[in-house]
PDB file of N, CA and C in Angstrom:
ATOM      1  N   MET A   1      14.890 -63.006   6.615  1.00  0.00           N
ATOM      2  CA  MET A   1      14.816 -63.435   7.993  1.00  0.00           C
ATOM      3  C   MET A   1      13.640 -64.386   8.147  1.00  0.00           C
ATOM      4  N   ALA A   2      13.856 -65.460   8.862  1.00  0.00           N
ATOM      5  CA  ALA A   2      12.819 -66.470   9.051  1.00  0.00           C
ATOM      6  C   ALA A   2      12.325 -66.445  10.499  1.00  0.00           C
ATOM      7  N   TYR A   3      11.087 -66.841  10.680  1.00  0.00           N
ATOM      8  CA  TYR A   3      10.555 -66.939  12.029  1.00  0.00           C
ATOM      9  C   TYR A   3      11.300 -68.022  12.795  1.00  0.00           C
ATOM     10  N   GLU A   4      11.529 -67.761  14.076  1.00  0.00           N
ATOM     11  CA  GLU A   4      12.271 -68.712  14.897  1.00  0.00           C
ATOM     12  C   GLU A   4      11.549 -70.058  14.937  1.00  0.00           C
ATOM     13  N   TYR A   5      12.318 -71.118  14.743  1.00  0.00           N
ATOM     14  CA  TYR A   5      11.862 -72.515  14.733  1.00  0.00           C
ATOM     15  C   TYR A   5      10.963 -72.859  13.551  1.00  0.00           C
ATOM     16  N   SER A   6      11.010 -72.061  12.497  1.00  0.00           N
ATOM     17  CA  SER A   6      10.306 -72.407  11.265  1.00  0.00           C
ATOM     18  C   SER A   6      11.262 -73.221  10.395  1.00  0.00           C
ATOM     19  N   LYS A   7      10.765 -73.743   9.304  1.00  0.00           N
ATOM     20  CA  LYS A   7      11.602 -74.536   8.399  1.00  0.00           C
ATOM     21  C   LYS A   7      12.791 -73.714   7.901  1.00  0.00           C
ATOM     22  N   GLY A   8      12.528 -72.481   7.497  1.00  0.00           N
ATOM     23  CA  GLY A   8      13.591 -71.616   7.007  1.00  0.00           C
ATOM     24  C   GLY A   8      14.638 -71.313   8.074  1.00  0.00           C
ATOM     25  N   TRP A   9      14.196 -71.167   9.304  1.00  0.00           N
ATOM     26  CA  TRP A   9      15.114 -70.903  10.412  1.00  0.00           C
ATOM     27  C   TRP A   9      16.024 -72.098  10.646  1.00  0.00           C
ATOM     28  N   PHE A  10      15.452 -73.307  10.633  1.00  0.00           N
ATOM     29  CA  PHE A  10      16.270 -74.508  10.809  1.00  0.00           C
ATOM     30  C   PHE A  10      17.293 -74.634   9.691  1.00  0.00           C
ATOM     31  N   ILE A  11      16.897 -74.325   8.458  1.00  0.00           N
ATOM     32  CA  ILE A  11      17.829 -74.401   7.329  1.00  0.00           C
ATOM     33  C   ILE A  11      18.963 -73.392   7.519  1.00  0.00           C
ATOM     34  N   GLN A  12      18.643 -72.180   7.950  1.00  0.00           N
ATOM     35  CA  GLN A  12      19.675 -71.172   8.202  1.00  0.00           C
ATOM     36  C   GLN A  12      20.661 -71.647   9.259  1.00  0.00           C
ATOM     37  N   GLN A  13      20.145 -72.199  10.349  1.00  0.00           N
ATOM     38  CA  GLN A  13      21.006 -72.640  11.445  1.00  0.00           C
ATOM     39  C   GLN A  13      21.897 -73.805  11.022  1.00  0.00           C
ATOM     40  N   LEU A  14      21.333 -74.740  10.276  1.00  0.00           N
ATOM     41  CA  LEU A  14      22.116 -75.885   9.827  1.00  0.00           C
ATOM     42  C   LEU A  14      23.212 -75.459   8.857  1.00  0.00           C
ATOM     43  N   LYS A  15      22.886 -74.552   7.942  1.00  0.00           N
ATOM     44  CA  LYS A  15      23.896 -74.077   6.994  1.00  0.00           C
ATOM     45  C   LYS A  15      24.976 -73.283   7.712  1.00  0.00           C
ATOM     46  N   ALA A  16      24.607 -72.517   8.732  1.00  0.00           N
ATOM     47  CA  ALA A  16      25.597 -71.789   9.522  1.00  0.00           C
ATOM     48  C   ALA A  16      26.504 -72.762  10.272  1.00  0.00           C
ATOM     49  N   GLY A  17      25.970 -73.932  10.613  1.00  0.00           N
ATOM     50  CA  GLY A  17      26.754 -74.963  11.284  1.00  0.00           C
ATOM     51  C   GLY A  17      27.545 -75.839  10.329  1.00  0.00           C
ATOM     52  N   GLY A  18      27.448 -75.567   9.026  1.00  0.00           N
ATOM     53  CA  GLY A  18      28.240 -76.293   8.050  1.00  0.00           C
ATOM     54  C   GLY A  18      27.548 -77.468   7.394  1.00  0.00           C
ATOM     55  N   ILE A  19      26.234 -77.592   7.575  1.00  0.00           N
ATOM     56  CA  ILE A  19      25.483 -78.697   6.978  1.00  0.00           C
ATOM     57  C   ILE A  19      24.617 -78.132   5.855  1.00  0.00           C
ATOM     58  N   SER A  20      24.890 -78.536   4.608  1.00  0.00           N
ATOM     59  CA  SER A  20      24.097 -78.084   3.467  1.00  0.00           C
ATOM     60  C   SER A  20      23.272 -79.209   2.871  1.00  0.00           C
ATOM     61  N   TYR A  21      23.658 -80.440   3.157  1.00  0.00           N
ATOM     62  CA  TYR A  21      22.983 -81.621   2.635  1.00  0.00           C
ATOM     63  C   TYR A  21      22.703 -82.577   3.779  1.00  0.00           C
ATOM     64  N   HIS A  22      21.692 -83.420   3.609  1.00  0.00           N
ATOM     65  CA  HIS A  22      21.388 -84.436   4.606  1.00  0.00           C
ATOM     66  C   HIS A  22      22.597 -85.362   4.727  1.00  0.00           C
ATOM     67  N   PRO A  23      23.037 -85.669   5.950  1.00  0.00           N
ATOM     68  CA  PRO A  23      24.271 -86.444   6.106  1.00  0.00           C
ATOM     69  C   PRO A  23      24.205 -87.872   5.552  1.00  0.00           C
ATOM     70  N   ILE A  24      23.039 -88.468   5.475  1.00  0.00           N
ATOM     71  CA  ILE A  24      22.930 -89.850   5.000  1.00  0.00           C
ATOM     72  C   ILE A  24      22.443 -89.903   3.557  1.00  0.00           C
ATOM     73  N   GLU A  25      21.368 -89.192   3.265  1.00  0.00           N
ATOM     74  CA  GLU A  25      20.745 -89.283   1.941  1.00  0.00           C
ATOM     75  C   GLU A  25      21.354 -88.343   0.909  1.00  0.00           C
ATOM     76  N   LYS A  26      22.177 -87.398   1.335  1.00  0.00           N
ATOM     77  CA  LYS A  26      22.893 -86.463   0.448  1.00  0.00           C
ATOM     78  C   LYS A  26      21.977 -85.636  -0.446  1.00  0.00           C
ATOM     79  N   LYS A  27      20.796 -85.289   0.061  1.00  0.00           N
ATOM     80  CA  LYS A  27      19.882 -84.402  -0.669  1.00  0.00           C
ATOM     81  C   LYS A  27      19.905 -83.029  -0.006  1.00  0.00           C
ATOM     82  N   LYS A  28      19.503 -82.003  -0.752  1.00  0.00           N
ATOM     83  CA  LYS A  28      19.460 -80.655  -0.206  1.00  0.00           C
ATOM     84  C   LYS A  28      18.480 -80.584   0.964  1.00  0.00           C
ATOM     85  N   LEU A  29      18.798 -79.738   1.929  1.00  0.00           N
ATOM     86  CA  LEU A  29      17.965 -79.592   3.118  1.00  0.00           C
ATOM     87  C   LEU A  29      16.567 -79.086   2.791  1.00  0.00           C
ATOM     88  N   GLU A  30      16.459 -78.285   1.742  1.00  0.00           N
ATOM     89  CA  GLU A  30      15.174 -77.684   1.391  1.00  0.00           C
ATOM     90  C   GLU A  30      14.119 -78.717   1.017  1.00  0.00           C
ATOM     91  N   LEU A  31      14.517 -79.945   0.725  1.00  0.00           N
ATOM     92  CA  LEU A  31      13.576 -80.983   0.316  1.00  0.00           C
ATOM     93  C   LEU A  31      12.907 -81.692   1.494  1.00  0.00           C
ATOM     94  N   TYR A  32      13.392 -81.443   2.699  1.00  0.00           N
ATOM     95  CA  TYR A  32      12.900 -82.176   3.865  1.00  0.00           C
ATOM     96  C   TYR A  32      11.867 -81.385   4.642  1.00  0.00           C
ATOM     97  N   LYS A  33      11.023 -82.111   5.349  1.00  0.00           N
ATOM     98  CA  LYS A  33      10.012 -81.495   6.202  1.00  0.00           C
ATOM     99  C   LYS A  33      10.668 -80.967   7.474  1.00  0.00           C
ATOM    100  N   THR A  34       9.934 -80.119   8.183  1.00  0.00           N
ATOM    101  CA  THR A  34      10.470 -79.430   9.352  1.00  0.00           C
ATOM    102  C   THR A  34      10.918 -80.400  10.439  1.00  0.00           C
ATOM    103  N   PHE A  35      10.193 -81.487  10.681  1.00  0.00           N
ATOM    104  CA  PHE A  35      10.565 -82.380  11.771  1.00  0.00           C
ATOM    105  C   PHE A  35      11.907 -83.062  11.512  1.00  0.00           C
ATOM    106  N   VAL A  36      12.243 -83.311  10.260  1.00  0.00           N
ATOM    107  CA  VAL A  36      13.540 -83.906   9.928  1.00  0.00           C
ATOM    108  C   VAL A  36      14.648 -82.886  10.184  1.00  0.00           C
ATOM    109  N   LEU A  37      14.410 -81.646   9.781  1.00  0.00           N
ATOM    110  CA  LEU A  37      15.393 -80.588   9.993  1.00  0.00           C
ATOM    111  C   LEU A  37      15.597 -80.323  11.479  1.00  0.00           C
ATOM    112  N   ARG A  38      14.515 -80.401  12.249  1.00  0.00           N
ATOM    113  CA  ARG A  38      14.623 -80.193  13.694  1.00  0.00           C
ATOM    114  C   ARG A  38      15.506 -81.254  14.334  1.00  0.00           C
ATOM    115  N   ARG A  39      15.372 -82.502  13.897  1.00  0.00           N
ATOM    116  CA  ARG A  39      16.224 -83.573  14.436  1.00  0.00           C
ATOM    117  C   ARG A  39      17.689 -83.357  14.067  1.00  0.00           C
ATOM    118  N   LEU A  40      17.945 -82.941  12.840  1.00  0.00           N
ATOM    119  CA  LEU A  40      19.322 -82.645  12.437  1.00  0.00           C
ATOM    120  C   LEU A  40      19.896 -81.499  13.264  1.00  0.00           C
ATOM    121  N   TYR A  41      19.071 -80.482  13.518  1.00  0.00           N
ATOM    122  CA  TYR A  41      19.502 -79.340  14.321  1.00  0.00           C
ATOM    123  C   TYR A  41      19.821 -79.770  15.747  1.00  0.00           C
ATOM    124  N   GLU A  42      18.980 -80.616  16.330  1.00  0.00           N
ATOM    125  CA  GLU A  42      19.232 -81.111  17.688  1.00  0.00           C
ATOM    126  C   GLU A  42      20.517 -81.926  17.738  1.00  0.00           C
ATOM    127  N   ASP A  43      20.770 -82.738  16.719  1.00  0.00           N
ATOM    128  CA  ASP A  43      22.017 -83.502  16.652  1.00  0.00           C
ATOM    129  C   ASP A  43      23.221 -82.578  16.532  1.00  0.00           C
ATOM    130  N   LEU A  44      23.065 -81.503  15.753  1.00  0.00           N
ATOM    131  CA  LEU A  44      24.142 -80.527  15.608  1.00  0.00           C
ATOM    132  C   LEU A  44      24.466 -79.872  16.936  1.00  0.00           C
ATOM    133  N   LYS A  45      23.436 -79.501  17.682  1.00  0.00           N
ATOM    134  CA  LYS A  45      23.642 -78.845  18.975  1.00  0.00           C
ATOM    135  C   LYS A  45      24.252 -79.800  20.000  1.00  0.00           C
ATOM    136  N   LYS A  46      23.871 -81.073  19.969  1.00  0.00           N
ATOM    137  CA  LYS A  46      24.455 -82.060  20.883  1.00  0.00           C
ATOM    138  C   LYS A  46      25.932 -82.260  20.578  1.00  0.00           C
ATOM    139  N   GLY A  47      26.283 -82.233  19.300  1.00  0.00           N
ATOM    140  CA  GLY A  47      27.663 -82.401  18.890  1.00  0.00           C
ATOM    141  C   GLY A  47      28.545 -81.226  19.283  1.00  0.00           C
ATOM    142  N   GLN A  48      27.971 -80.038  19.360  1.00  0.00           N
ATOM    143  CA  GLN A  48      28.740 -78.858  19.721  1.00  0.00           C
ATOM    144  C   GLN A  48      28.913 -78.721  21.223  1.00  0.00           C
ATOM    145  N   SER A  49      28.054 -79.338  21.992  1.00  0.00           N
ATOM    146  CA  SER A  49      28.101 -79.205  23.454  1.00  0.00           C
ATOM    147  C   SER A  49      29.203 -80.025  24.067  1.00  0.00           C
TER     148      SER A  49
END
């Protein structure tokens, strides 16, 4: 279990949403800093709304 809004939490949420790799660079999510993951998460939530 990861702390809410930590890097691990963002990775869990993105993988639950079906994103395992960065959509443009095709690298694993674990390689990115938290602010990049947060932007991907926000884009995911906007797409679901």
